[in-house]
Amino acid sequence: MNHPNKEKYMRLQGLIIKEFLQIRRDPSSLGIAFAMPVFLLLLFGYGVSLDAKHVPVGIVLEKISPEARSFSAAFEHSEYFVSIHFANMKLAQQALEARKISAIIRLRSNFNRQLYSHESAPIQVIVDGVDANTARLISGYIQGTWNQWLIQFAAQRGISLTQPIMLEQRIWYNSAVRSRNFLVPGLIAVIMTLIGALLTALVMAREWERGTLEALIATPVSVTEILLGKLIPYYLLGMGGMLLSIAMAVFLFQVPLLGSLWVLLITGTLFMLVALGMGLVISIAAKNQFVAGQIAIIITFLPAFIMSGFIFDIDSMPPAIQSITYLIAARYFVAILQTVFLAGNVWGIIIPNALALLFMALFFFALALRRMPRRLE
């Protein structure tokens, strides 16, 4: 009674061994699974930063006074700024136009009187707005430095400087405000998208090109066994690449992992199955390695990079684009990764996104089974 099941198991085992032998003969799959994550993590982890630090700013003191010197010293001792002093506004404006500095902080000759009288703003700030995001960061940092200096200045002199609002901010989940803590977990989803889709897209297309898939179809193995024989080895490679990426994130980039590793592995399995399923569908349709690789990059990697929330905030996108992001599997896994790494096991986020990944995995495998040829043409 168990004889048919035993035969199925042995056939599947043979297909898996065949695939591992193919991987040993052609190690490009190992490069995609292990070398590419290391390269991309090093490239983005060290090369891409949304932090604004050591920003060159020009300081113009129209009249030297202890108060003006004290305020300019606050920028000199800040990790966010590199202060450059200019004798007048004309020189500072020329430096700003030449992109040598990113902002100008001007203290007028009546700085002291305006500081104590509250008649008008005692400082003038001009920021290079070519890069809008960086400009907003610089403006916020300057405002924060100004507020902090006011508090210290008043405390040292025992005087009261009235401020309409006293802001006491608390930053949760990423208290260091390091963009790397936000980018690296999201990058893992982008890497896994590329690994899963490329691995199966290229390997199945290779079978089409060499004619070996037709030979497999002619043998007494089912389509399900063929697909499982292809998926299991590359699932293991993909999950190995994910474990390597997590290890680099935690130990190399010092990203805190507050949640459970098992949650990451389970949800990572769902996402890897989605990526592998997309690769299968692409390879079945393309039947050519070059075409399959190009399609995999265009319809999996680029949407995951741009529309998953990895770098660009989805809520800031137009409503029509936000609707399209629901079709991007990486959107759900990026939300899980950033939550598990930075906030912990927040089940209200993890479970709905994991269910979305499960649905997408079932959809792509059903589509692959439907499109897979069952006989020679």
Protein backbone atom coordinates (compact mmCIF):
# COMPACT_ATOMS: atom_id res chain seq x y z
CA MET A 1 0.00 0.00 0.00
CA ASN A 2 2.91 2.33 0.69
CA HIS A 3 4.75 1.19 -2.41
CA PRO A 4 3.49 4.03 -4.70
CA ASN A 5 4.36 6.62 -2.07
CA LYS A 6 7.83 5.12 -1.72
CA GLU A 7 8.32 5.33 -5.48
CA LYS A 8 7.23 8.97 -5.49
CA TYR A 9 9.65 9.73 -2.67
CA MET A 10 12.52 8.04 -4.50
CA ARG A 11 11.74 9.87 -7.74
CA LEU A 12 11.62 13.18 -5.90
CA GLN A 13 14.85 12.35 -4.12
CA GLY A 14 16.48 11.57 -7.46
CA LEU A 15 15.32 14.89 -8.92
CA ILE A 16 16.67 16.81 -5.91
CA ILE A 17 20.04 15.04 -6.10
CA LYS A 18 20.16 15.75 -9.84
CA GLU A 19 19.59 19.44 -9.14
CA PHE A 20 22.32 19.59 -6.50
CA LEU A 21 24.72 17.93 -8.93
CA GLN A 22 23.80 20.55 -11.51
CA ILE A 23 24.49 23.29 -8.93
CA ARG A 24 27.93 21.77 -8.27
CA ARG A 25 28.72 21.70 -11.98
CA ASP A 26 27.47 25.26 -12.54
CA PRO A 27 28.20 27.31 -9.37
CA SER A 28 26.47 30.44 -10.68
CA SER A 29 23.51 29.56 -8.47
CA LEU A 30 25.81 29.61 -5.43
CA GLY A 31 27.02 33.04 -6.53
CA ILE A 32 23.46 34.33 -6.76
CA ALA A 33 22.52 32.86 -3.38
CA PHE A 34 25.59 33.85 -1.34
CA ALA A 35 27.93 36.23 -3.19
CA MET A 36 25.21 38.61 -4.39
CA PRO A 37 23.71 39.22 -0.90
CA VAL A 38 27.17 40.04 0.47
CA PHE A 39 27.88 42.44 -2.40
CA LEU A 40 24.51 44.20 -2.21
CA LEU A 41 24.56 44.50 1.57
CA LEU A 42 28.06 45.96 1.55
CA LEU A 43 27.14 48.30 -1.31
CA PHE A 44 23.92 49.60 0.22
CA GLY A 45 24.89 49.25 3.86
CA TYR A 46 27.98 51.43 3.48
CA GLY A 47 27.22 53.34 0.28
CA VAL A 48 23.62 54.46 0.87
CA SER A 49 22.71 56.62 3.83
CA LEU A 50 19.74 58.88 4.45
CA ASP A 51 21.48 60.50 7.41
CA ALA A 52 22.68 64.08 7.13
CA LYS A 53 25.96 64.25 9.05
CA HIS A 54 29.01 66.47 8.71
CA VAL A 55 26.98 68.87 6.58
CA PRO A 56 29.08 71.90 5.52
CA VAL A 57 27.35 75.11 6.63
CA GLY A 58 28.49 78.68 6.26
CA ILE A 59 28.34 80.98 9.31
CA VAL A 60 28.30 84.74 8.89
CA LEU A 61 28.77 86.85 12.05
CA GLU A 62 28.11 90.47 11.16
CA LYS A 63 29.14 91.55 14.66
CA ILE A 64 31.35 89.57 16.98
CA SER A 65 29.90 89.15 20.48
CA PRO A 66 30.12 86.50 23.22
CA GLU A 67 26.58 85.39 22.41
CA ALA A 68 27.31 85.11 18.68
CA ARG A 69 30.53 83.18 19.32
CA SER A 70 28.73 80.86 21.72
CA PHE A 71 26.04 80.10 19.17
CA SER A 72 28.50 79.46 16.32
CA ALA A 73 30.47 77.16 18.66
CA ALA A 74 27.35 74.99 19.00
CA PHE A 75 27.70 74.12 15.30
CA GLU A 76 31.43 73.53 15.58
CA HIS A 77 30.88 70.88 18.27
CA SER A 78 27.96 69.16 16.51
CA GLU A 79 28.45 65.87 14.67
CA TYR A 80 25.86 67.00 12.13
CA PHE A 81 27.70 70.08 10.88
CA VAL A 82 31.07 71.25 9.62
CA SER A 83 31.04 75.02 10.12
CA ILE A 84 32.87 77.35 7.74
CA HIS A 85 33.08 81.03 8.69
CA PHE A 86 32.66 83.76 6.06
CA ALA A 87 33.40 87.44 6.43
CA ASN A 88 30.21 88.55 4.67
CA MET A 89 27.03 87.26 2.99
CA LYS A 90 28.37 87.72 -0.54
CA LEU A 91 31.16 85.18 0.02
CA ALA A 92 28.76 82.79 1.72
CA GLN A 93 26.27 83.02 -1.17
CA GLN A 94 29.02 82.32 -3.68
CA ALA A 95 30.00 79.20 -1.71
CA LEU A 96 26.36 78.08 -1.60
CA GLU A 97 25.98 78.57 -5.35
CA ALA A 98 29.17 76.57 -5.92
CA ARG A 99 27.73 73.74 -3.75
CA LYS A 100 30.64 74.04 -1.32
CA ILE A 101 28.22 74.48 1.56
CA SER A 102 24.64 73.32 2.04
CA ALA A 103 23.30 76.16 4.20
CA ILE A 104 24.06 79.65 5.46
CA ILE A 105 23.47 80.74 9.05
CA ARG A 106 23.58 84.53 9.35
CA LEU A 107 23.71 86.40 12.65
CA ARG A 108 22.95 90.05 11.98
CA SER A 109 24.66 92.94 13.72
CA ASN A 110 21.64 93.36 16.04
CA PHE A 111 21.68 89.69 17.09
CA ASN A 112 22.07 90.47 20.82
CA ARG A 113 19.22 92.99 20.93
CA GLN A 114 16.80 90.73 19.06
CA LEU A 115 17.82 87.73 21.20
CA TYR A 116 16.66 89.46 24.38
CA SER A 117 13.79 91.53 23.01
CA HIS A 118 12.03 88.81 20.91
CA GLU A 119 11.19 91.45 18.30
CA SER A 120 11.94 89.17 15.35
CA ALA A 121 13.98 86.14 14.39
CA PRO A 122 17.57 86.83 15.52
CA ILE A 123 19.11 84.48 12.93
CA GLN A 124 18.66 83.99 9.20
CA VAL A 125 18.92 80.50 7.69
CA ILE A 126 19.27 79.83 3.95
CA VAL A 127 19.27 76.15 2.89
CA ASP A 128 20.13 74.63 -0.49
CA GLY A 129 16.81 73.04 -1.48
CA VAL A 130 17.96 71.13 -4.58
CA ASP A 131 17.69 67.90 -2.57
CA ALA A 132 14.39 68.46 -0.76
CA ASN A 133 14.80 65.60 1.73
CA THR A 134 18.29 66.69 2.77
CA ALA A 135 17.11 70.29 2.99
CA ARG A 136 14.36 69.31 5.42
CA LEU A 137 16.84 67.37 7.53
CA ILE A 138 19.29 70.27 7.62
CA SER A 139 16.53 72.72 8.58
CA GLY A 140 15.43 70.42 11.38
CA TYR A 141 18.98 69.98 12.67
CA ILE A 142 19.57 73.75 12.65
CA GLN A 143 16.30 74.35 14.49
CA GLY A 144 17.22 71.69 17.02
CA THR A 145 20.69 73.19 17.56
CA TRP A 146 19.14 76.64 17.99
CA ASN A 147 16.60 75.40 20.58
CA GLN A 148 19.24 73.47 22.49
CA TRP A 149 21.57 76.49 22.54
CA LEU A 150 18.79 78.73 23.83
CA ILE A 151 18.10 76.39 26.73
CA GLN A 152 21.78 76.13 27.69
CA PHE A 153 22.35 79.86 27.22
CA ALA A 154 19.45 80.73 29.53
CA ALA A 155 20.47 78.16 32.15
CA GLN A 156 24.07 79.40 32.28
CA ARG A 157 22.97 83.00 32.87
CA GLY A 158 20.02 82.29 35.11
CA ILE A 159 17.62 84.13 32.84
CA SER A 160 14.32 83.19 31.29
CA LEU A 161 13.89 83.09 27.53
CA THR A 162 10.21 82.66 26.78
CA GLN A 163 9.41 80.06 24.15
CA PRO A 164 5.79 79.46 23.10
CA ILE A 165 6.27 75.70 22.93
CA MET A 166 8.78 73.49 24.68
CA LEU A 167 9.27 70.35 22.58
CA GLU A 168 10.34 67.16 24.34
CA GLN A 169 10.58 64.44 21.70
CA ARG A 170 10.88 60.69 22.15
CA ILE A 171 11.92 58.43 19.27
CA TRP A 172 10.73 54.83 19.45
CA TYR A 173 12.06 51.74 17.66
CA ASN A 174 15.11 53.47 16.18
CA SER A 175 16.23 55.78 18.95
CA ALA A 176 19.66 56.30 17.35
CA VAL A 177 17.89 57.58 14.21
CA ARG A 178 20.27 55.57 12.02
CA SER A 179 19.01 55.17 8.46
CA ARG A 180 21.05 51.95 8.26
CA ASN A 181 18.75 50.35 10.85
CA PHE A 182 15.86 51.09 8.49
CA LEU A 183 17.54 50.32 5.17
CA VAL A 184 19.35 47.04 5.89
CA PRO A 185 16.27 45.00 6.97
CA GLY A 186 14.34 46.24 3.93
CA LEU A 187 17.29 45.39 1.71
CA ILE A 188 17.02 41.75 2.82
CA ALA A 189 13.58 41.59 1.18
CA VAL A 190 14.93 43.10 -2.05
CA ILE A 191 17.84 40.62 -2.05
CA MET A 192 15.56 37.64 -1.46
CA THR A 193 13.26 38.79 -4.26
CA LEU A 194 16.18 38.84 -6.68
CA ILE A 195 17.64 35.56 -5.42
CA GLY A 196 14.39 33.59 -5.54
CA ALA A 197 13.19 34.91 -8.88
CA LEU A 198 16.57 34.59 -10.63
CA LEU A 199 17.37 31.14 -9.28
CA THR A 200 14.23 29.46 -10.59
CA ALA A 201 13.83 31.66 -13.68
CA LEU A 202 17.32 30.89 -14.94
CA VAL A 203 17.42 27.23 -14.01
CA MET A 204 14.08 26.39 -15.61
CA ALA A 205 14.93 28.42 -18.70
CA ARG A 206 18.23 26.52 -18.88
CA GLU A 207 16.28 23.25 -18.92
CA TRP A 208 14.14 24.57 -21.77
CA GLU A 209 17.18 25.65 -23.79
CA ARG A 210 19.02 22.34 -23.36
CA GLY A 211 15.95 20.23 -24.03
CA THR A 212 16.31 18.36 -20.74
CA LEU A 213 12.92 19.49 -19.44
CA GLU A 214 11.21 17.74 -22.34
CA ALA A 215 13.19 14.64 -21.43
CA LEU A 216 11.95 14.89 -17.84
CA ILE A 217 8.35 15.27 -19.03
CA ALA A 218 8.76 12.11 -21.07
CA THR A 219 9.79 10.13 -17.96
CA PRO A 220 7.22 8.72 -15.48
CA VAL A 221 7.38 11.71 -13.13
CA SER A 222 4.55 14.10 -12.44
CA VAL A 223 4.66 17.83 -13.03
CA THR A 224 4.38 18.37 -9.28
CA GLU A 225 7.45 16.21 -8.68
CA ILE A 226 9.40 18.14 -11.32
CA LEU A 227 8.51 21.46 -9.73
CA LEU A 228 9.30 20.23 -6.22
CA GLY A 229 12.60 18.80 -7.42
CA LYS A 230 13.49 22.22 -8.77
CA LEU A 231 12.18 24.25 -5.85
CA ILE A 232 13.56 22.42 -2.82
CA PRO A 233 17.29 22.87 -3.64
CA TYR A 234 16.86 26.52 -4.54
CA TYR A 235 14.65 27.13 -1.52
CA LEU A 236 17.52 25.85 0.65
CA LEU A 237 19.99 28.09 -1.21
CA GLY A 238 17.71 31.09 -0.86
CA MET A 239 17.18 30.55 2.87
CA GLY A 240 20.92 30.14 3.27
CA GLY A 241 21.34 33.53 1.61
CA MET A 242 18.73 34.97 3.98
CA LEU A 243 20.54 33.63 7.06
CA LEU A 244 23.78 35.13 5.75
CA SER A 245 22.02 38.48 5.22
CA ILE A 246 20.55 38.44 8.75
CA ALA A 247 23.96 37.61 10.23
CA MET A 248 25.56 40.52 8.35
CA ALA A 249 22.77 42.87 9.42
CA VAL A 250 23.16 42.00 13.11
CA PHE A 251 26.89 41.49 13.47
CA LEU A 252 28.38 43.71 10.75
CA PHE A 253 25.93 46.61 10.56
CA GLN A 254 24.85 46.41 14.23
CA VAL A 255 21.12 46.45 13.41
CA PRO A 256 19.17 45.39 16.53
CA LEU A 257 17.08 42.24 16.21
CA LEU A 258 14.37 42.72 18.85
CA GLY A 259 11.98 40.06 17.59
CA SER A 260 12.25 36.31 17.12
CA LEU A 261 14.58 34.72 14.61
CA TRP A 262 12.00 31.96 14.14
CA VAL A 263 9.41 34.53 13.07
CA LEU A 264 11.86 35.80 10.47
CA LEU A 265 12.55 32.27 9.22
CA ILE A 266 8.87 31.33 8.95
CA THR A 267 7.84 34.53 7.20
CA GLY A 268 11.05 34.38 5.15
CA THR A 269 9.99 30.92 3.98
CA LEU A 270 6.65 32.31 2.80
CA PHE A 271 8.35 35.15 0.96
CA MET A 272 10.96 32.86 -0.60
CA LEU A 273 8.16 30.63 -1.89
CA VAL A 274 6.53 33.68 -3.47
CA ALA A 275 9.82 34.67 -5.15
CA LEU A 276 10.46 31.11 -6.35
CA GLY A 277 6.90 30.88 -7.66
CA MET A 278 7.33 34.12 -9.62
CA GLY A 279 10.58 32.75 -11.08
CA LEU A 280 8.82 29.55 -12.13
CA VAL A 281 6.05 31.43 -13.91
CA ILE A 282 8.61 33.65 -15.67
CA SER A 283 10.73 30.71 -16.81
CA ILE A 284 7.74 28.74 -18.07
CA ALA A 285 6.66 31.72 -20.15
CA ALA A 286 10.11 32.84 -21.37
CA LYS A 287 11.97 29.54 -22.05
CA ASN A 288 15.19 31.53 -22.59
CA GLN A 289 17.80 32.34 -19.94
CA PHE A 290 18.58 35.87 -21.11
CA VAL A 291 14.93 36.84 -21.53
CA ALA A 292 13.97 35.18 -18.24
CA GLY A 293 16.73 37.03 -16.38
CA GLN A 294 15.70 40.39 -17.82
CA ILE A 295 12.04 39.83 -17.04
CA ALA A 296 12.87 38.70 -13.50
CA ILE A 297 14.83 41.89 -12.84
CA ILE A 298 12.19 44.18 -14.37
CA ILE A 299 9.05 42.74 -12.78
CA THR A 300 10.46 41.55 -9.44
CA PHE A 301 13.62 43.43 -8.43
CA LEU A 302 12.72 46.96 -9.61
CA PRO A 303 9.20 47.01 -8.09
CA ALA A 304 10.60 45.55 -4.86
CA PHE A 305 13.28 48.24 -4.81
CA ILE A 306 11.03 51.20 -5.60
CA MET A 307 7.52 50.32 -4.39
CA SER A 308 8.00 48.15 -1.29
CA GLY A 309 8.68 50.88 1.26
CA PHE A 310 12.35 49.85 1.36
CA ILE A 311 13.50 53.43 0.69
CA PHE A 312 10.47 55.46 -0.38
CA ASP A 313 7.56 55.88 2.02
CA ILE A 314 4.44 54.27 0.52
CA ASP A 315 2.11 56.73 2.27
CA SER A 316 3.83 59.59 0.42
CA MET A 317 3.09 58.05 -2.99
CA PRO A 318 0.06 59.02 -5.11
CA PRO A 319 -3.07 56.96 -4.30
CA ALA A 320 -2.93 55.11 -7.63
CA ILE A 321 0.66 53.99 -6.99
CA GLN A 322 -0.23 53.02 -3.43
CA SER A 323 -2.89 50.69 -4.82
CA ILE A 324 -0.32 49.04 -7.10
CA THR A 325 2.02 48.37 -4.16
CA TYR A 326 -0.48 45.84 -2.79
CA LEU A 327 0.54 43.60 -5.71
CA ILE A 328 4.22 43.76 -4.68
CA ALA A 329 5.12 40.86 -2.38
CA ALA A 330 8.16 42.68 -1.04
CA ARG A 331 5.86 45.32 0.47
CA TYR A 332 4.55 42.78 2.98
CA PHE A 333 7.93 41.28 3.81
CA VAL A 334 9.60 44.68 4.23
CA ALA A 335 6.92 45.56 6.80
CA ILE A 336 7.60 42.29 8.64
CA LEU A 337 11.39 42.69 8.55
CA GLN A 338 11.41 46.27 9.81
CA THR A 339 8.92 45.38 12.54
CA VAL A 340 10.73 42.27 13.78
CA PHE A 341 14.14 43.92 13.68
CA LEU A 342 13.26 47.28 15.24
CA ALA A 343 10.04 46.77 17.21
CA GLY A 344 9.82 43.05 18.02
CA ASN A 345 7.04 40.53 17.46
CA VAL A 346 4.14 42.89 16.76
CA TRP A 347 1.55 40.33 15.69
CA GLY A 348 -0.89 42.94 14.44
CA ILE A 349 1.60 43.65 11.65
CA ILE A 350 3.21 40.23 11.23
CA ILE A 351 0.10 38.06 10.84
CA PRO A 352 -1.79 40.08 8.17
CA ASN A 353 1.36 40.49 6.07
CA ALA A 354 2.25 36.80 6.46
CA LEU A 355 -1.25 35.80 5.30
CA ALA A 356 -0.85 38.03 2.25
CA LEU A 357 2.45 36.27 1.44
CA LEU A 358 0.81 32.86 1.88
CA PHE A 359 -1.98 33.80 -0.53
CA MET A 360 0.52 35.07 -3.12
CA ALA A 361 2.65 31.90 -2.81
CA LEU A 362 -0.40 29.69 -3.41
CA PHE A 363 -1.42 31.86 -6.37
CA PHE A 364 1.95 31.66 -8.14
CA PHE A 365 2.34 27.92 -7.58
CA ALA A 366 -1.17 27.28 -8.85
CA LEU A 367 -0.37 29.39 -11.90
CA ALA A 368 2.92 27.54 -12.45
CA LEU A 369 1.19 24.16 -12.22
CA ARG A 370 -1.45 25.31 -14.68
CA ARG A 371 1.05 26.68 -17.20
CA MET A 372 3.57 23.84 -16.94
CA PRO A 373 3.35 21.57 -20.02
CA ARG A 374 2.35 18.00 -19.26
CA ARG A 375 3.29 16.39 -22.53
CA LEU A 376 5.67 16.89 -25.44
CA GLU A 377 4.37 19.05 -28.27
